[in-house]
Amino acid sequence: MTTTLSAGAPPRVLGISGSLRRDSHNSRLLRAAGALLPPGAELEIWDGLKAIPPYDEDDETAGRPAAVEELDAAIRAADVVLFATPEYNHSLPGTLKNALDWLSRPLAGNALWRKPVAVVGASTGLFGAVWAQAELRKVLGALGAEVLDGELPVGLADGAFTADDGLADADLQARYGGLLAELAAAAPAPALAAAA
């Protein structure tokens, strides 16, 4: 299921949170992007991660589960993808890695192949999920995604957001806006997207 947060023309940005908790800091970080995207950009948040079963090649032979197909279709329909990940034991959450494992089959031409993506992250610690972001960028690169170098670590996340899910720190907000502008600019031109 996707929720459209802002109306407008392409680029279409798909947001995916690595946290299953509805009001997690990383889901809030995705919602904060809605107000910071360049004019005309549209943000949708995909929230079906919990429905994706553990990857099993035996299950794959019978056809991918509906939740995996939904995620695949959402990514293919988007021009760019924004991932927000928490950090579990110095790495990305297993549920998010599991979803990417499903998407990686087959590798060539998978939904993230040559798709521009950015990675951000929030945590209650000082470092803002920097290790998880690095791990996620590595996995996305292995899937053939065009991963932006920029990152946005949001540390001490318990106090990092305003009541309406904006970022409380003006410098952090400006950096996020710059990263989102770079991501939106990486979207393929409409004619190229239609031909792809």
N, C-alpha and C. Protein backbone atom coordinates (compact mmCIF):
# COMPACT_ATOMS: atom_id res chain seq x y z
N MET A 1 0.84 -1.18 0.00
CA MET A 1 0.00 0.00 0.00
C MET A 1 0.88 1.23 0.00
N THR A 2 0.56 2.21 -0.84
CA THR A 2 1.31 3.45 -0.87
C THR A 2 0.40 4.60 -0.49
N THR A 3 0.99 5.62 0.10
CA THR A 3 0.24 6.81 0.50
C THR A 3 0.87 8.01 -0.18
N THR A 4 0.11 8.73 -1.01
CA THR A 4 0.63 9.91 -1.66
C THR A 4 0.62 11.07 -0.68
N LEU A 5 1.79 11.70 -0.50
CA LEU A 5 1.89 12.79 0.47
C LEU A 5 1.86 14.16 -0.17
N SER A 6 2.23 14.29 -1.40
CA SER A 6 2.17 15.59 -2.06
C SER A 6 1.85 15.39 -3.52
N ALA A 7 1.02 16.26 -4.06
CA ALA A 7 0.57 16.11 -5.43
C ALA A 7 1.51 16.85 -6.36
N GLY A 8 1.54 16.45 -7.60
CA GLY A 8 2.33 17.15 -8.58
C GLY A 8 2.78 16.23 -9.69
N ALA A 9 3.58 16.78 -10.60
CA ALA A 9 4.10 16.04 -11.73
C ALA A 9 5.36 15.30 -11.31
N PRO A 10 5.85 14.44 -12.20
CA PRO A 10 7.11 13.77 -11.91
C PRO A 10 8.21 14.80 -11.62
N PRO A 11 9.31 14.47 -10.93
CA PRO A 11 9.69 13.11 -10.60
C PRO A 11 8.85 12.49 -9.48
N ARG A 12 8.64 11.20 -9.63
CA ARG A 12 7.91 10.43 -8.61
C ARG A 12 8.92 9.76 -7.69
N VAL A 13 8.84 10.10 -6.42
CA VAL A 13 9.78 9.60 -5.42
C VAL A 13 9.06 8.56 -4.56
N LEU A 14 9.62 7.36 -4.48
CA LEU A 14 9.07 6.33 -3.61
C LEU A 14 9.89 6.28 -2.34
N GLY A 15 9.24 6.40 -1.19
CA GLY A 15 9.92 6.31 0.09
C GLY A 15 9.69 4.95 0.72
N ILE A 16 10.76 4.34 1.21
CA ILE A 16 10.69 3.03 1.86
C ILE A 16 11.42 3.11 3.19
N SER A 17 10.71 2.83 4.27
CA SER A 17 11.31 2.82 5.60
C SER A 17 11.73 1.41 5.97
N GLY A 18 12.89 1.29 6.58
CA GLY A 18 13.35 -0.02 7.03
C GLY A 18 12.79 -0.41 8.38
N SER A 19 11.97 0.44 8.97
CA SER A 19 11.37 0.14 10.27
C SER A 19 9.91 -0.26 10.09
N LEU A 20 9.48 -1.24 10.85
CA LEU A 20 8.09 -1.68 10.78
C LEU A 20 7.17 -0.84 11.67
N ARG A 21 7.74 -0.14 12.64
CA ARG A 21 6.93 0.64 13.57
C ARG A 21 6.34 1.86 12.86
N ARG A 22 5.04 2.04 12.96
CA ARG A 22 4.33 3.07 12.19
C ARG A 22 4.90 4.47 12.43
N ASP A 23 5.17 4.81 13.67
CA ASP A 23 5.67 6.14 13.99
C ASP A 23 7.16 6.12 14.32
N SER A 24 7.89 5.27 13.65
CA SER A 24 9.33 5.19 13.87
C SER A 24 10.00 6.48 13.41
N HIS A 25 11.20 6.72 13.91
CA HIS A 25 11.95 7.91 13.51
C HIS A 25 12.22 7.91 12.02
N ASN A 26 12.45 6.73 11.44
CA ASN A 26 12.74 6.68 10.01
C ASN A 26 11.50 6.88 9.16
N SER A 27 10.36 6.46 9.63
CA SER A 27 9.12 6.78 8.92
C SER A 27 8.84 8.28 9.00
N ARG A 28 9.15 8.89 10.13
CA ARG A 28 9.01 10.34 10.27
C ARG A 28 9.98 11.06 9.34
N LEU A 29 11.18 10.51 9.20
CA LEU A 29 12.16 11.10 8.30
C LEU A 29 11.67 11.08 6.85
N LEU A 30 11.00 10.02 6.47
CA LEU A 30 10.40 9.98 5.13
C LEU A 30 9.30 11.03 5.00
N ARG A 31 8.45 11.13 6.03
CA ARG A 31 7.37 12.12 5.96
C ARG A 31 7.93 13.54 5.89
N ALA A 32 9.05 13.78 6.53
CA ALA A 32 9.68 15.10 6.48
C ALA A 32 10.11 15.45 5.06
N ALA A 33 10.41 14.45 4.25
CA ALA A 33 10.83 14.69 2.87
C ALA A 33 9.73 15.33 2.05
N GLY A 34 8.46 15.07 2.39
CA GLY A 34 7.35 15.60 1.61
C GLY A 34 7.37 17.11 1.48
N ALA A 35 7.81 17.80 2.54
CA ALA A 35 7.84 19.27 2.53
C ALA A 35 9.13 19.83 1.96
N LEU A 36 10.11 18.97 1.72
CA LEU A 36 11.44 19.44 1.29
C LEU A 36 11.76 19.11 -0.16
N LEU A 37 10.92 18.33 -0.80
CA LEU A 37 11.16 17.98 -2.20
C LEU A 37 11.04 19.22 -3.09
N PRO A 38 11.73 19.22 -4.22
CA PRO A 38 11.60 20.34 -5.17
C PRO A 38 10.15 20.48 -5.64
N PRO A 39 9.74 21.68 -6.03
CA PRO A 39 8.37 21.88 -6.52
C PRO A 39 8.04 20.93 -7.66
N GLY A 40 6.84 20.37 -7.63
CA GLY A 40 6.39 19.47 -8.69
C GLY A 40 6.70 18.02 -8.43
N ALA A 41 7.58 17.73 -7.46
CA ALA A 41 7.90 16.33 -7.16
C ALA A 41 6.79 15.73 -6.31
N GLU A 42 6.62 14.43 -6.44
CA GLU A 42 5.58 13.71 -5.70
C GLU A 42 6.22 12.60 -4.88
N LEU A 43 5.82 12.51 -3.62
CA LEU A 43 6.34 11.48 -2.73
C LEU A 43 5.26 10.48 -2.38
N GLU A 44 5.57 9.21 -2.54
CA GLU A 44 4.71 8.13 -2.06
C GLU A 44 5.53 7.30 -1.08
N ILE A 45 4.89 6.85 -0.01
CA ILE A 45 5.56 5.99 0.96
C ILE A 45 4.95 4.60 0.88
N TRP A 46 5.83 3.62 0.65
CA TRP A 46 5.39 2.22 0.59
C TRP A 46 5.54 1.64 1.99
N ASP A 47 4.46 1.05 2.51
CA ASP A 47 4.49 0.58 3.90
C ASP A 47 4.13 -0.90 4.04
N GLY A 48 4.47 -1.69 3.04
CA GLY A 48 4.12 -3.11 3.07
C GLY A 48 5.24 -4.05 3.46
N LEU A 49 6.30 -3.52 4.09
CA LEU A 49 7.47 -4.34 4.40
C LEU A 49 7.14 -5.54 5.29
N LYS A 50 6.24 -5.34 6.25
CA LYS A 50 5.93 -6.40 7.20
C LYS A 50 5.28 -7.61 6.53
N ALA A 51 4.64 -7.42 5.39
CA ALA A 51 3.93 -8.51 4.72
C ALA A 51 4.84 -9.40 3.88
N ILE A 52 6.08 -9.00 3.70
CA ILE A 52 6.99 -9.79 2.87
C ILE A 52 7.55 -10.97 3.67
N PRO A 53 7.33 -12.20 3.21
CA PRO A 53 7.81 -13.37 3.96
C PRO A 53 9.31 -13.55 3.81
N PRO A 54 9.90 -14.38 4.65
CA PRO A 54 11.33 -14.68 4.50
C PRO A 54 11.61 -15.26 3.12
N TYR A 55 12.73 -14.83 2.54
CA TYR A 55 13.07 -15.34 1.21
C TYR A 55 13.36 -16.84 1.27
N ASP A 56 12.77 -17.58 0.33
CA ASP A 56 12.97 -19.02 0.21
C ASP A 56 12.90 -19.37 -1.27
N GLU A 57 13.97 -19.89 -1.80
CA GLU A 57 14.00 -20.20 -3.23
C GLU A 57 12.92 -21.20 -3.61
N ASP A 58 12.54 -22.08 -2.69
CA ASP A 58 11.46 -23.02 -2.98
C ASP A 58 10.15 -22.27 -3.24
N ASP A 59 9.90 -21.23 -2.44
CA ASP A 59 8.69 -20.43 -2.65
C ASP A 59 8.76 -19.65 -3.96
N GLU A 60 9.95 -19.25 -4.33
CA GLU A 60 10.13 -18.46 -5.55
C GLU A 60 9.71 -19.23 -6.79
N THR A 61 9.92 -20.53 -6.80
CA THR A 61 9.58 -21.32 -7.98
C THR A 61 8.07 -21.35 -8.23
N ALA A 62 7.28 -21.11 -7.18
CA ALA A 62 5.83 -21.08 -7.34
C ALA A 62 5.31 -19.68 -7.67
N GLY A 63 6.22 -18.73 -7.83
CA GLY A 63 5.82 -17.35 -8.09
C GLY A 63 6.03 -16.50 -6.86
N ARG A 64 6.44 -15.27 -7.07
CA ARG A 64 6.73 -14.40 -5.93
C ARG A 64 5.47 -14.03 -5.18
N PRO A 65 5.57 -13.87 -3.86
CA PRO A 65 4.40 -13.48 -3.05
C PRO A 65 3.84 -12.14 -3.50
N ALA A 66 2.56 -11.92 -3.23
CA ALA A 66 1.88 -10.70 -3.67
C ALA A 66 2.56 -9.45 -3.11
N ALA A 67 3.02 -9.49 -1.86
CA ALA A 67 3.67 -8.32 -1.27
C ALA A 67 4.96 -7.96 -1.99
N VAL A 68 5.69 -8.97 -2.45
CA VAL A 68 6.92 -8.72 -3.21
C VAL A 68 6.57 -8.11 -4.56
N GLU A 69 5.55 -8.63 -5.21
CA GLU A 69 5.13 -8.08 -6.50
C GLU A 69 4.66 -6.63 -6.35
N GLU A 70 4.00 -6.33 -5.23
CA GLU A 70 3.55 -4.96 -4.99
C GLU A 70 4.74 -4.02 -4.84
N LEU A 71 5.74 -4.44 -4.09
CA LEU A 71 6.94 -3.62 -3.92
C LEU A 71 7.66 -3.45 -5.25
N ASP A 72 7.81 -4.52 -5.99
CA ASP A 72 8.45 -4.47 -7.30
C ASP A 72 7.75 -3.46 -8.21
N ALA A 73 6.42 -3.53 -8.24
CA ALA A 73 5.65 -2.62 -9.10
C ALA A 73 5.78 -1.17 -8.64
N ALA A 74 5.79 -0.95 -7.32
CA ALA A 74 5.91 0.41 -6.79
C ALA A 74 7.26 1.02 -7.16
N ILE A 75 8.32 0.22 -7.08
CA ILE A 75 9.65 0.72 -7.42
C ILE A 75 9.75 1.01 -8.91
N ARG A 76 9.21 0.10 -9.73
CA ARG A 76 9.26 0.31 -11.18
C ARG A 76 8.46 1.54 -11.60
N ALA A 77 7.38 1.85 -10.89
CA ALA A 77 6.56 3.01 -11.23
C ALA A 77 7.19 4.33 -10.79
N ALA A 78 8.13 4.26 -9.85
CA ALA A 78 8.79 5.46 -9.35
C ALA A 78 9.96 5.85 -10.25
N ASP A 79 10.26 7.15 -10.24
CA ASP A 79 11.45 7.61 -10.96
C ASP A 79 12.71 7.43 -10.12
N VAL A 80 12.58 7.64 -8.82
CA VAL A 80 13.70 7.51 -7.88
C VAL A 80 13.17 6.92 -6.59
N VAL A 81 14.07 6.40 -5.75
CA VAL A 81 13.67 5.78 -4.49
C VAL A 81 14.48 6.37 -3.34
N LEU A 82 13.80 6.66 -2.24
CA LEU A 82 14.43 7.17 -1.02
C LEU A 82 14.24 6.14 0.09
N PHE A 83 15.35 5.61 0.60
CA PHE A 83 15.31 4.65 1.69
C PHE A 83 15.68 5.35 2.99
N ALA A 84 14.94 5.08 4.06
CA ALA A 84 15.29 5.55 5.40
C ALA A 84 15.46 4.33 6.28
N THR A 85 16.64 4.15 6.83
CA THR A 85 16.90 2.92 7.58
C THR A 85 17.34 3.18 9.01
N PRO A 86 16.78 2.43 9.95
CA PRO A 86 17.35 2.41 11.30
C PRO A 86 18.60 1.53 11.30
N GLU A 87 19.27 1.49 12.43
CA GLU A 87 20.46 0.66 12.55
C GLU A 87 20.24 -0.40 13.62
N TYR A 88 20.30 -1.66 13.22
CA TYR A 88 20.17 -2.78 14.14
C TYR A 88 21.50 -3.50 14.22
N ASN A 89 22.14 -3.49 15.37
CA ASN A 89 23.41 -4.19 15.56
C ASN A 89 24.45 -3.79 14.51
N HIS A 90 24.55 -2.48 14.29
CA HIS A 90 25.53 -1.89 13.37
C HIS A 90 25.26 -2.22 11.91
N SER A 91 24.05 -2.62 11.57
CA SER A 91 23.74 -2.94 10.18
C SER A 91 22.27 -2.61 9.90
N LEU A 92 21.82 -2.93 8.69
CA LEU A 92 20.44 -2.64 8.32
C LEU A 92 19.51 -3.72 8.87
N PRO A 93 18.23 -3.41 9.05
CA PRO A 93 17.27 -4.40 9.57
C PRO A 93 17.13 -5.59 8.63
N GLY A 94 16.96 -6.77 9.23
CA GLY A 94 16.81 -7.98 8.44
C GLY A 94 15.59 -7.96 7.53
N THR A 95 14.52 -7.32 7.98
CA THR A 95 13.31 -7.27 7.15
C THR A 95 13.56 -6.50 5.85
N LEU A 96 14.33 -5.43 5.93
CA LEU A 96 14.64 -4.65 4.73
C LEU A 96 15.59 -5.43 3.82
N LYS A 97 16.61 -6.05 4.40
CA LYS A 97 17.53 -6.86 3.59
C LYS A 97 16.79 -8.01 2.93
N ASN A 98 15.85 -8.63 3.64
CA ASN A 98 15.06 -9.71 3.09
C ASN A 98 14.27 -9.26 1.86
N ALA A 99 13.65 -8.08 1.96
CA ALA A 99 12.88 -7.55 0.82
C ALA A 99 13.79 -7.32 -0.39
N LEU A 100 14.98 -6.80 -0.14
CA LEU A 100 15.92 -6.57 -1.24
C LEU A 100 16.41 -7.89 -1.83
N ASP A 101 16.55 -8.92 -1.00
CA ASP A 101 16.92 -10.24 -1.52
C ASP A 101 15.85 -10.76 -2.48
N TRP A 102 14.59 -10.59 -2.13
CA TRP A 102 13.51 -10.98 -3.04
C TRP A 102 13.62 -10.21 -4.36
N LEU A 103 13.83 -8.91 -4.26
CA LEU A 103 13.86 -8.07 -5.47
C LEU A 103 15.04 -8.39 -6.37
N SER A 104 16.10 -8.94 -5.80
CA SER A 104 17.33 -9.15 -6.56
C SER A 104 17.25 -10.32 -7.54
N ARG A 105 16.17 -11.05 -7.51
CA ARG A 105 16.04 -12.25 -8.34
C ARG A 105 15.07 -12.01 -9.50
N PRO A 106 15.47 -12.12 -10.76
CA PRO A 106 16.85 -12.23 -11.21
C PRO A 106 17.57 -10.88 -11.10
N LEU A 107 18.89 -10.90 -11.04
CA LEU A 107 19.65 -9.68 -10.79
C LEU A 107 19.53 -8.68 -11.93
N ALA A 108 19.83 -9.10 -13.15
CA ALA A 108 19.77 -8.19 -14.29
C ALA A 108 18.33 -7.78 -14.56
N GLY A 109 18.10 -6.50 -14.62
CA GLY A 109 16.76 -6.01 -14.91
C GLY A 109 15.83 -6.00 -13.71
N ASN A 110 16.36 -6.22 -12.49
CA ASN A 110 15.48 -6.15 -11.33
C ASN A 110 14.94 -4.73 -11.16
N ALA A 111 13.97 -4.56 -10.28
CA ALA A 111 13.27 -3.28 -10.16
C ALA A 111 14.19 -2.11 -9.81
N LEU A 112 15.30 -2.39 -9.14
CA LEU A 112 16.23 -1.33 -8.74
C LEU A 112 17.38 -1.13 -9.73
N TRP A 113 17.42 -1.94 -10.76
CA TRP A 113 18.50 -1.88 -11.74
C TRP A 113 18.51 -0.50 -12.41
N ARG A 114 19.61 0.23 -12.25
CA ARG A 114 19.80 1.57 -12.81
C ARG A 114 18.81 2.60 -12.27
N LYS A 115 18.18 2.30 -11.16
CA LYS A 115 17.24 3.24 -10.53
C LYS A 115 18.01 4.16 -9.60
N PRO A 116 17.88 5.49 -9.74
CA PRO A 116 18.54 6.39 -8.79
C PRO A 116 17.92 6.24 -7.40
N VAL A 117 18.78 6.07 -6.40
CA VAL A 117 18.31 5.90 -5.03
C VAL A 117 19.18 6.73 -4.08
N ALA A 118 18.58 7.13 -2.97
CA ALA A 118 19.30 7.81 -1.89
C ALA A 118 18.98 7.10 -0.59
N VAL A 119 19.91 7.17 0.35
CA VAL A 119 19.75 6.51 1.64
C VAL A 119 19.94 7.54 2.75
N VAL A 120 18.99 7.55 3.68
CA VAL A 120 19.09 8.39 4.88
C VAL A 120 18.80 7.50 6.08
N GLY A 121 19.02 8.02 7.27
CA GLY A 121 18.75 7.19 8.44
C GLY A 121 18.72 8.00 9.72
N ALA A 122 17.96 7.50 10.68
CA ALA A 122 17.84 8.15 11.98
C ALA A 122 17.99 7.10 13.07
N SER A 123 18.59 7.52 14.18
CA SER A 123 18.71 6.64 15.34
C SER A 123 18.72 7.49 16.60
N THR A 124 18.46 6.85 17.71
CA THR A 124 18.46 7.57 18.99
C THR A 124 19.87 7.81 19.50
N GLY A 125 20.86 7.15 18.91
CA GLY A 125 22.25 7.37 19.29
C GLY A 125 22.82 8.61 18.62
N LEU A 126 24.09 8.84 18.84
CA LEU A 126 24.74 10.05 18.32
C LEU A 126 24.98 10.01 16.82
N PHE A 127 25.15 8.80 16.25
CA PHE A 127 25.70 8.71 14.90
C PHE A 127 24.67 8.61 13.78
N GLY A 128 23.39 8.53 14.09
CA GLY A 128 22.36 8.59 13.06
C GLY A 128 22.37 7.46 12.06
N ALA A 129 22.65 6.24 12.52
CA ALA A 129 22.56 5.06 11.66
C ALA A 129 23.54 5.09 10.48
N VAL A 130 24.73 5.65 10.70
CA VAL A 130 25.68 5.76 9.59
C VAL A 130 26.15 4.39 9.09
N TRP A 131 26.34 3.43 10.00
CA TRP A 131 26.77 2.11 9.56
C TRP A 131 25.68 1.42 8.76
N ALA A 132 24.45 1.55 9.21
CA ALA A 132 23.33 0.94 8.47
C ALA A 132 23.20 1.57 7.09
N GLN A 133 23.39 2.89 7.01
CA GLN A 133 23.31 3.55 5.71
C GLN A 133 24.40 3.03 4.77
N ALA A 134 25.62 2.86 5.29
CA ALA A 134 26.71 2.34 4.46
C ALA A 134 26.42 0.92 3.99
N GLU A 135 25.90 0.09 4.89
CA GLU A 135 25.56 -1.28 4.51
C GLU A 135 24.46 -1.31 3.45
N LEU A 136 23.46 -0.45 3.62
CA LEU A 136 22.34 -0.43 2.67
C LEU A 136 22.81 0.08 1.31
N ARG A 137 23.67 1.09 1.29
CA ARG A 137 24.19 1.56 0.00
C ARG A 137 24.97 0.45 -0.70
N LYS A 138 25.70 -0.35 0.07
CA LYS A 138 26.46 -1.47 -0.52
C LYS A 138 25.52 -2.48 -1.16
N VAL A 139 24.46 -2.85 -0.46
CA VAL A 139 23.50 -3.82 -0.99
C VAL A 139 22.81 -3.27 -2.23
N LEU A 140 22.39 -2.02 -2.17
CA LEU A 140 21.72 -1.41 -3.33
C LEU A 140 22.65 -1.34 -4.53
N GLY A 141 23.92 -1.06 -4.29
CA GLY A 141 24.88 -1.05 -5.38
C GLY A 141 25.03 -2.43 -6.00
N ALA A 142 24.99 -3.47 -5.17
CA ALA A 142 25.09 -4.84 -5.67
C ALA A 142 23.89 -5.19 -6.55
N LEU A 143 22.75 -4.55 -6.31
CA LEU A 143 21.56 -4.78 -7.11
C LEU A 143 21.55 -3.94 -8.39
N GLY A 144 22.57 -3.13 -8.59
CA GLY A 144 22.66 -2.34 -9.81
C GLY A 144 21.99 -0.99 -9.73
N ALA A 145 21.59 -0.56 -8.53
CA ALA A 145 20.98 0.77 -8.39
C ALA A 145 22.05 1.84 -8.53
N GLU A 146 21.62 3.03 -8.94
CA GLU A 146 22.51 4.19 -9.02
C GLU A 146 22.40 4.92 -7.69
N VAL A 147 23.31 4.63 -6.78
CA VAL A 147 23.23 5.09 -5.40
C VAL A 147 23.94 6.43 -5.23
N LEU A 148 23.21 7.43 -4.76
CA LEU A 148 23.83 8.72 -4.49
C LEU A 148 24.84 8.60 -3.35
N ASP A 149 25.92 9.35 -3.43
CA ASP A 149 26.97 9.30 -2.41
C ASP A 149 26.51 9.98 -1.12
N GLY A 150 25.67 11.00 -1.22
CA GLY A 150 25.27 11.78 -0.05
C GLY A 150 24.51 10.94 0.97
N GLU A 151 24.67 11.30 2.24
CA GLU A 151 23.95 10.61 3.30
C GLU A 151 23.39 11.65 4.26
N LEU A 152 22.46 11.23 5.08
CA LEU A 152 21.88 12.12 6.08
C LEU A 152 21.71 11.36 7.38
N PRO A 153 22.72 11.40 8.25
CA PRO A 153 22.58 10.77 9.55
C PRO A 153 21.85 11.70 10.52
N VAL A 154 20.74 11.25 11.04
CA VAL A 154 19.96 12.02 12.01
C VAL A 154 20.12 11.35 13.37
N GLY A 155 21.00 11.87 14.18
CA GLY A 155 21.24 11.32 15.50
C GLY A 155 20.33 11.92 16.55
N LEU A 156 20.31 11.31 17.74
CA LEU A 156 19.47 11.78 18.85
C LEU A 156 18.04 12.04 18.36
N ALA A 157 17.51 11.04 17.66
CA ALA A 157 16.25 11.21 16.93
C ALA A 157 15.05 11.48 17.81
N ASP A 158 15.11 11.14 19.08
CA ASP A 158 13.98 11.42 19.97
C ASP A 158 13.64 12.90 20.00
N GLY A 159 14.64 13.75 19.79
CA GLY A 159 14.38 15.20 19.81
C GLY A 159 14.63 15.87 18.48
N ALA A 160 14.73 15.10 17.41
CA ALA A 160 15.12 15.66 16.12
C ALA A 160 13.97 16.17 15.27
N PHE A 161 12.73 15.86 15.68
CA PHE A 161 11.57 16.19 14.84
C PHE A 161 10.63 17.17 15.53
N THR A 162 9.95 17.96 14.71
CA THR A 162 8.91 18.85 15.20
C THR A 162 7.61 18.05 15.32
N ALA A 163 6.59 18.68 15.90
CA ALA A 163 5.31 17.99 16.09
C ALA A 163 4.67 17.57 14.77
N ASP A 164 4.97 18.30 13.69
CA ASP A 164 4.38 17.97 12.38
C ASP A 164 5.36 17.19 11.50
N ASP A 165 6.33 16.49 12.13
CA ASP A 165 7.27 15.61 11.44
C ASP A 165 8.28 16.34 10.56
N GLY A 166 8.51 17.61 10.83
CA GLY A 166 9.62 18.29 10.19
C GLY A 166 10.89 18.05 10.99
N LEU A 167 12.03 18.45 10.45
CA LEU A 167 13.29 18.36 11.17
C LEU A 167 13.49 19.64 11.98
N ALA A 168 13.82 19.49 13.24
CA ALA A 168 13.93 20.65 14.13
C ALA A 168 15.18 21.47 13.84
N ASP A 169 16.24 20.84 13.39
CA ASP A 169 17.50 21.53 13.15
C ASP A 169 17.53 22.12 11.73
N ALA A 170 17.72 23.43 11.63
CA ALA A 170 17.66 24.11 10.33
C ALA A 170 18.77 23.63 9.39
N ASP A 171 19.97 23.39 9.91
CA ASP A 171 21.07 22.92 9.08
C ASP A 171 20.79 21.52 8.54
N LEU A 172 20.26 20.66 9.39
CA LEU A 172 19.91 19.31 8.97
C LEU A 172 18.81 19.35 7.92
N GLN A 173 17.86 20.23 8.11
CA GLN A 173 16.77 20.38 7.14
C GLN A 173 17.31 20.84 5.79
N ALA A 174 18.26 21.79 5.81
CA ALA A 174 18.85 22.27 4.56
C ALA A 174 19.63 21.17 3.85
N ARG A 175 20.36 20.38 4.63
CA ARG A 175 21.11 19.27 4.03
C ARG A 175 20.17 18.24 3.42
N TYR A 176 19.08 17.96 4.09
CA TYR A 176 18.09 17.01 3.57
C TYR A 176 17.49 17.54 2.28
N GLY A 177 17.15 18.82 2.27
CA GLY A 177 16.61 19.42 1.06
C GLY A 177 17.57 19.33 -0.11
N GLY A 178 18.86 19.53 0.17
CA GLY A 178 19.86 19.42 -0.89
C GLY A 178 19.98 18.01 -1.42
N LEU A 179 19.94 17.03 -0.52
CA LEU A 179 20.01 15.62 -0.96
C LEU A 179 18.78 15.26 -1.79
N LEU A 180 17.62 15.72 -1.36
CA LEU A 180 16.40 15.42 -2.11
C LEU A 180 16.40 16.10 -3.47
N ALA A 181 16.95 17.30 -3.55
CA ALA A 181 17.06 17.98 -4.84
C ALA A 181 17.98 17.20 -5.77
N GLU A 182 19.08 16.68 -5.22
CA GLU A 182 20.00 15.87 -6.02
C GLU A 182 19.32 14.58 -6.50
N LEU A 183 18.54 13.97 -5.62
CA LEU A 183 17.82 12.75 -6.00
C LEU A 183 16.80 13.03 -7.09
N ALA A 184 16.03 14.10 -6.92
CA ALA A 184 15.02 14.45 -7.93
C ALA A 184 15.68 14.75 -9.28
N ALA A 185 16.84 15.40 -9.24
CA ALA A 185 17.55 15.73 -10.48
C ALA A 185 18.09 14.50 -11.19
N ALA A 186 18.26 13.41 -10.44
CA ALA A 186 18.76 12.16 -11.03
C ALA A 186 17.68 11.38 -11.75
N ALA A 187 16.41 11.81 -11.61
CA ALA A 187 15.31 11.11 -12.28
C ALA A 187 15.49 11.18 -13.79
N PRO A 188 15.19 10.10 -14.49
CA PRO A 188 15.32 10.13 -15.95
C PRO A 188 14.31 11.07 -16.56
N ALA A 189 14.68 11.65 -17.69
CA ALA A 189 13.74 12.50 -18.42
C ALA A 189 12.54 11.67 -18.83
N PRO A 190 11.33 12.27 -18.90
CA PRO A 190 10.13 11.49 -19.25
C PRO A 190 10.27 10.65 -20.51
N ALA A 191 10.90 11.22 -21.55
CA ALA A 191 11.04 10.47 -22.79
C ALA A 191 11.93 9.25 -22.61
N LEU A 192 13.01 9.43 -21.82
CA LEU A 192 13.90 8.31 -21.56
C LEU A 192 13.24 7.26 -20.70
N ALA A 193 12.45 7.72 -19.72
CA ALA A 193 11.76 6.78 -18.84
C ALA A 193 10.77 5.95 -19.64
N ALA A 194 10.06 6.57 -20.60
CA ALA A 194 9.07 5.85 -21.38
C ALA A 194 9.73 4.82 -22.29
N ALA A 195 10.97 5.13 -22.72
CA ALA A 195 11.67 4.21 -23.62
C ALA A 195 12.36 3.08 -22.88
N ALA A 196 12.56 3.24 -21.57
CA ALA A 196 13.31 2.24 -20.80
C ALA A 196 12.55 0.96 -20.63
